[in-house]
N, C-alpha and C. Protein backbone atom coordinates (compact mmCIF):
# COMPACT_ATOMS: atom_id res chain seq x y z
N MET A 1 -18.34 -13.40 9.27
CA MET A 1 -16.61 -13.42 8.41
C MET A 1 -15.78 -13.05 9.44
N THR A 2 -15.06 -13.84 10.06
CA THR A 2 -13.73 -13.54 11.12
C THR A 2 -13.07 -12.55 10.62
N GLU A 3 -12.54 -11.61 11.29
CA GLU A 3 -11.80 -10.31 11.05
C GLU A 3 -10.28 -11.32 11.12
N LYS A 4 -9.61 -10.81 10.39
CA LYS A 4 -8.10 -11.40 10.17
C LYS A 4 -7.18 -10.11 10.20
N ARG A 5 -7.56 -9.10 10.37
CA ARG A 5 -6.52 -8.23 10.92
C ARG A 5 -6.12 -8.59 12.33
N ARG A 6 -4.26 -8.21 12.24
CA ARG A 6 -3.69 -7.87 13.47
C ARG A 6 -3.95 -6.70 14.42
N THR A 7 -4.06 -5.39 13.34
CA THR A 7 -4.19 -4.00 14.05
C THR A 7 -5.40 -3.44 13.86
N ASP A 8 -5.58 -2.45 14.44
CA ASP A 8 -6.53 -1.28 13.74
C ASP A 8 -5.90 -0.54 12.90
N ARG A 9 -7.53 -0.20 12.10
CA ARG A 9 -6.96 0.35 10.73
C ARG A 9 -7.31 1.80 11.16
N THR A 10 -6.48 2.80 10.55
CA THR A 10 -6.84 4.47 10.93
C THR A 10 -7.13 4.69 9.68
N LYS A 11 -8.65 5.62 9.05
CA LYS A 11 -9.25 6.34 7.79
C LYS A 11 -8.12 7.17 7.85
N VAL A 12 -7.17 7.30 6.11
CA VAL A 12 -6.80 8.47 6.72
C VAL A 12 -6.04 8.60 4.76
N THR A 13 -5.98 10.22 4.03
CA THR A 13 -6.09 10.00 2.76
C THR A 13 -4.67 10.70 2.25
N PHE A 14 -3.42 10.01 1.83
CA PHE A 14 -2.64 10.55 1.43
C PHE A 14 -2.38 10.02 -0.08
N VAL A 15 -1.93 10.74 -0.68
CA VAL A 15 -1.34 10.42 -2.32
C VAL A 15 0.08 9.69 -2.40
N VAL A 16 0.03 8.26 -2.89
CA VAL A 16 0.75 7.53 -2.47
C VAL A 16 1.71 7.26 -4.03
N GLU A 17 2.72 6.92 -4.54
CA GLU A 17 2.97 6.62 -5.62
C GLU A 17 2.85 5.14 -5.56
N VAL A 18 3.16 3.95 -6.72
CA VAL A 18 3.06 2.69 -6.21
C VAL A 18 3.62 2.48 -7.43
N THR A 19 5.22 1.67 -7.56
CA THR A 19 5.77 1.33 -7.90
C THR A 19 5.97 -0.48 -8.42
N ILE A 20 5.77 -1.01 -9.16
CA ILE A 20 5.42 -2.27 -9.73
C ILE A 20 6.98 -2.86 -10.27
N PRO A 21 7.67 -4.07 -9.89
CA PRO A 21 9.12 -3.97 -10.36
C PRO A 21 8.54 -3.86 -12.11
N GLU A 22 8.43 -4.23 -12.79
CA GLU A 22 8.57 -4.21 -14.37
C GLU A 22 8.61 -2.34 -14.88
N GLY A 23 8.27 -1.75 -13.73
CA GLY A 23 8.54 -0.44 -13.30
C GLY A 23 7.79 1.13 -13.85
N ASP A 24 5.97 0.05 -14.03
CA ASP A 24 5.11 0.97 -14.10
C ASP A 24 4.51 1.59 -13.02
N SER A 25 4.34 2.75 -12.85
CA SER A 25 4.18 3.27 -11.64
C SER A 25 2.34 4.08 -11.64
N LYS A 26 1.49 4.76 -10.60
CA LYS A 26 0.68 5.35 -11.00
C LYS A 26 0.08 6.12 -9.34
N ARG A 27 -0.32 7.10 -9.42
CA ARG A 27 -0.21 7.67 -8.09
C ARG A 27 -1.60 7.65 -7.60
N LEU A 28 -2.19 6.82 -6.23
CA LEU A 28 -3.28 6.63 -5.79
C LEU A 28 -3.42 7.17 -4.33
N LYS A 29 -4.92 6.98 -3.88
CA LYS A 29 -5.21 7.41 -2.45
C LYS A 29 -5.22 6.33 -1.23
N THR A 30 -4.92 6.22 -0.35
CA THR A 30 -5.07 5.23 0.45
C THR A 30 -6.58 5.99 1.67
N GLN A 31 -6.72 4.71 1.60
CA GLN A 31 -8.10 4.56 2.00
C GLN A 31 -8.10 4.78 3.70
N ASP A 32 -6.84 4.04 5.00
CA ASP A 32 -6.63 3.53 5.55
C ASP A 32 -5.22 3.28 5.50
N ILE A 33 -4.55 3.13 7.22
CA ILE A 33 -3.19 2.56 7.24
C ILE A 33 -3.15 1.68 8.46
N SER A 34 -2.29 1.38 8.81
CA SER A 34 -1.95 0.86 10.32
C SER A 34 -0.80 -0.02 10.26
N ASP A 35 -0.23 0.04 11.68
CA ASP A 35 0.98 -0.44 11.66
C ASP A 35 1.63 -2.00 10.84
N GLY A 36 0.63 -2.23 10.32
CA GLY A 36 1.30 -3.31 9.54
C GLY A 36 1.01 -3.61 7.47
N GLY A 37 0.14 -2.25 7.56
CA GLY A 37 -0.16 -2.18 5.64
C GLY A 37 -0.95 -1.15 5.84
N VAL A 38 -1.28 -0.80 4.79
CA VAL A 38 -2.48 0.05 3.82
C VAL A 38 -3.05 -0.39 2.84
N PHE A 39 -4.46 0.21 2.79
CA PHE A 39 -5.51 -0.10 1.61
C PHE A 39 -5.80 1.02 0.81
N LEU A 40 -5.17 0.85 -0.81
CA LEU A 40 -5.19 1.90 -1.77
C LEU A 40 -6.55 1.94 -2.26
N LEU A 41 -7.21 3.19 -3.06
CA LEU A 41 -7.75 2.94 -3.97
C LEU A 41 -7.68 2.82 -5.49
N ALA A 42 -8.38 2.00 -6.08
CA ALA A 42 -7.32 1.91 -7.30
C ALA A 42 -9.01 1.64 -8.18
N ASP A 43 -9.02 2.15 -9.14
CA ASP A 43 -10.39 1.30 -9.99
C ASP A 43 -9.80 0.97 -11.60
N ASP A 44 -8.22 0.46 -11.94
CA ASP A 44 -8.18 0.35 -13.26
C ASP A 44 -6.01 -0.01 -12.93
N PHE A 45 -5.67 -0.25 -11.96
CA PHE A 45 -4.22 -1.06 -11.39
C PHE A 45 -4.12 -1.47 -10.04
N PHE A 46 -4.34 -2.92 -10.62
CA PHE A 46 -4.10 -4.16 -9.67
C PHE A 46 -2.74 -4.91 -9.47
N PRO A 47 -1.93 -4.56 -9.00
CA PRO A 47 -0.82 -5.78 -9.03
C PRO A 47 -1.63 -7.22 -8.95
N GLU A 48 -0.55 -8.22 -9.14
CA GLU A 48 -0.84 -9.42 -9.04
C GLU A 48 -0.90 -9.92 -7.35
N LEU A 49 -1.71 -10.47 -6.96
CA LEU A 49 -1.62 -11.61 -5.35
C LEU A 49 -0.01 -11.27 -5.17
N GLY A 50 0.63 -11.09 -4.23
CA GLY A 50 2.22 -11.74 -3.63
C GLY A 50 3.03 -11.09 -4.62
N THR A 51 3.01 -9.45 -5.26
CA THR A 51 3.94 -8.66 -5.77
C THR A 51 4.52 -7.45 -5.03
N VAL A 52 5.79 -7.77 -4.76
CA VAL A 52 6.74 -6.69 -3.94
C VAL A 52 6.22 -5.21 -4.41
N VAL A 53 5.43 -4.45 -4.42
CA VAL A 53 5.75 -3.21 -4.84
C VAL A 53 6.67 -2.30 -3.65
N ASP A 54 7.34 -0.92 -4.65
CA ASP A 54 8.07 0.02 -3.62
C ASP A 54 6.45 0.93 -3.74
N ILE A 55 6.26 1.77 -2.41
CA ILE A 55 5.06 2.52 -2.54
C ILE A 55 5.54 4.08 -1.70
N GLN A 56 5.74 5.06 -2.35
CA GLN A 56 6.23 5.88 -1.23
C GLN A 56 5.36 7.35 -1.39
N VAL A 57 5.00 7.92 -0.28
CA VAL A 57 3.90 9.25 0.39
C VAL A 57 4.60 10.21 -0.65
N VAL A 58 3.32 11.15 -1.06
CA VAL A 58 4.04 12.19 -1.98
C VAL A 58 3.21 13.14 -1.48
N GLY A 59 3.41 14.36 -1.99
CA GLY A 59 3.52 15.96 -1.60
C GLY A 59 2.89 16.09 -0.35
N LEU A 60 4.39 15.65 0.98
CA LEU A 60 4.08 16.32 2.29
C LEU A 60 5.04 17.65 2.20
N PRO A 61 4.67 18.27 2.91
CA PRO A 61 5.16 19.45 3.94
C PRO A 61 6.73 18.92 3.85
N GLY A 62 8.20 19.95 3.17
CA GLY A 62 9.06 18.88 3.67
C GLY A 62 9.86 18.24 2.48
N GLY A 63 8.99 17.65 2.02
CA GLY A 63 9.59 16.52 1.00
C GLY A 63 8.83 15.21 0.83
N ASP A 64 8.76 14.62 0.11
CA ASP A 64 8.55 13.24 0.05
C ASP A 64 9.19 12.35 1.01
N ALA A 65 8.57 11.23 1.71
CA ALA A 65 8.40 9.90 2.42
C ALA A 65 9.31 9.19 1.81
N PRO A 66 10.42 8.34 2.84
CA PRO A 66 11.06 7.40 2.38
C PRO A 66 10.13 6.23 1.15
N ARG A 67 10.96 4.96 0.44
CA ARG A 67 10.17 4.09 -0.16
C ARG A 67 10.32 3.48 0.97
N LEU A 68 8.99 2.85 0.28
CA LEU A 68 9.51 1.64 1.41
C LEU A 68 9.05 0.24 0.77
N GLN A 69 8.92 -0.98 0.42
CA GLN A 69 8.44 -2.70 -0.10
C GLN A 69 7.49 -3.06 0.67
N MET A 70 6.74 -3.15 0.06
CA MET A 70 5.06 -3.81 0.22
C MET A 70 5.00 -4.62 -0.41
N GLU A 71 3.44 -5.86 0.16
CA GLU A 71 3.33 -6.74 -0.47
C GLU A 71 1.78 -6.90 -0.64
N VAL A 72 1.27 -6.95 -2.40
CA VAL A 72 0.24 -6.91 -2.41
C VAL A 72 -0.10 -8.34 -1.65
N VAL A 73 -1.82 -8.14 -0.64
CA VAL A 73 -2.50 -9.41 -0.36
C VAL A 73 -3.26 -9.28 -0.37
N ARG A 74 -4.28 -8.01 -1.29
CA ARG A 74 -6.59 -8.76 -1.48
C ARG A 74 -6.15 -7.61 -2.39
N HIS A 75 -7.69 -8.16 -3.28
CA HIS A 75 -7.92 -7.18 -3.87
C HIS A 75 -9.48 -7.09 -3.33
N THR A 76 -9.37 -5.95 -3.52
CA THR A 76 -11.34 -5.44 -3.60
C THR A 76 -11.81 -5.15 -4.87
N ASP A 77 -13.05 -5.05 -4.97
CA ASP A 77 -13.56 -3.80 -6.03
C ASP A 77 -13.10 -2.24 -6.56
N ASN A 78 -12.55 -1.83 -5.41
CA ASN A 78 -12.66 -0.38 -5.20
C ASN A 78 -11.18 -0.38 -4.86
N GLY A 79 -9.79 -1.65 -4.88
CA GLY A 79 -8.49 -1.21 -4.71
C GLY A 79 -8.01 -2.67 -3.79
N PHE A 80 -6.31 -2.22 -3.23
CA PHE A 80 -5.86 -3.78 -2.99
C PHE A 80 -5.04 -2.83 -2.10
N GLY A 81 -5.00 -4.37 -0.65
CA GLY A 81 -3.99 -4.59 0.64
C GLY A 81 -2.90 -4.51 0.04
N LEU A 82 -1.87 -3.52 0.92
CA LEU A 82 -0.41 -4.41 1.16
C LEU A 82 -0.35 -4.42 2.14
N ARG A 83 0.97 -4.81 2.64
CA ARG A 83 1.32 -5.43 3.71
C ARG A 83 2.94 -5.52 3.77
N MET A 84 2.80 -4.85 5.36
CA MET A 84 4.74 -4.23 4.98
C MET A 84 5.42 -5.00 4.86
N ILE A 85 6.65 -5.25 4.48
CA ILE A 85 7.66 -6.26 4.30
C ILE A 85 8.59 -6.47 5.16
N ASN A 86 8.90 -7.05 6.59
CA ASN A 86 9.80 -6.41 8.02
C ASN A 86 11.12 -7.39 7.24
N LYS A 87 12.03 -6.52 6.82
CA LYS A 87 13.28 -6.36 6.05
C LYS A 87 14.44 -7.19 7.53
N ASP A 88 13.59 -7.60 8.41
CA ASP A 88 14.61 -7.73 9.99
C ASP A 88 13.92 -9.03 11.00
N ARG A 89 12.94 -9.28 9.59
CA ARG A 89 12.27 -10.43 10.47
C ARG A 89 13.02 -11.97 10.29
N ASP A 90 13.56 -11.93 9.38
CA ASP A 90 14.39 -13.27 8.47
C ASP A 90 15.71 -13.41 9.73
């Protein structure tokens, strides 16, 4: 299988809150991150491919991180991958 990722992944665990457009949210853990996206571990929360979700790292010293919009780009048995949406790209 050919590797399609454009950036290196860094294994790191953060707790993030993922909110789907319908308003449901779930706290999940990251498996790894890159400058283009993040992979989240999940067993019962799989937004549909192509869904744009809000994501926020929670529990950081000094307060929560800003909310980011990301697109669901893949599913696996143990989670899903999100791609950073670059609003300046258009």
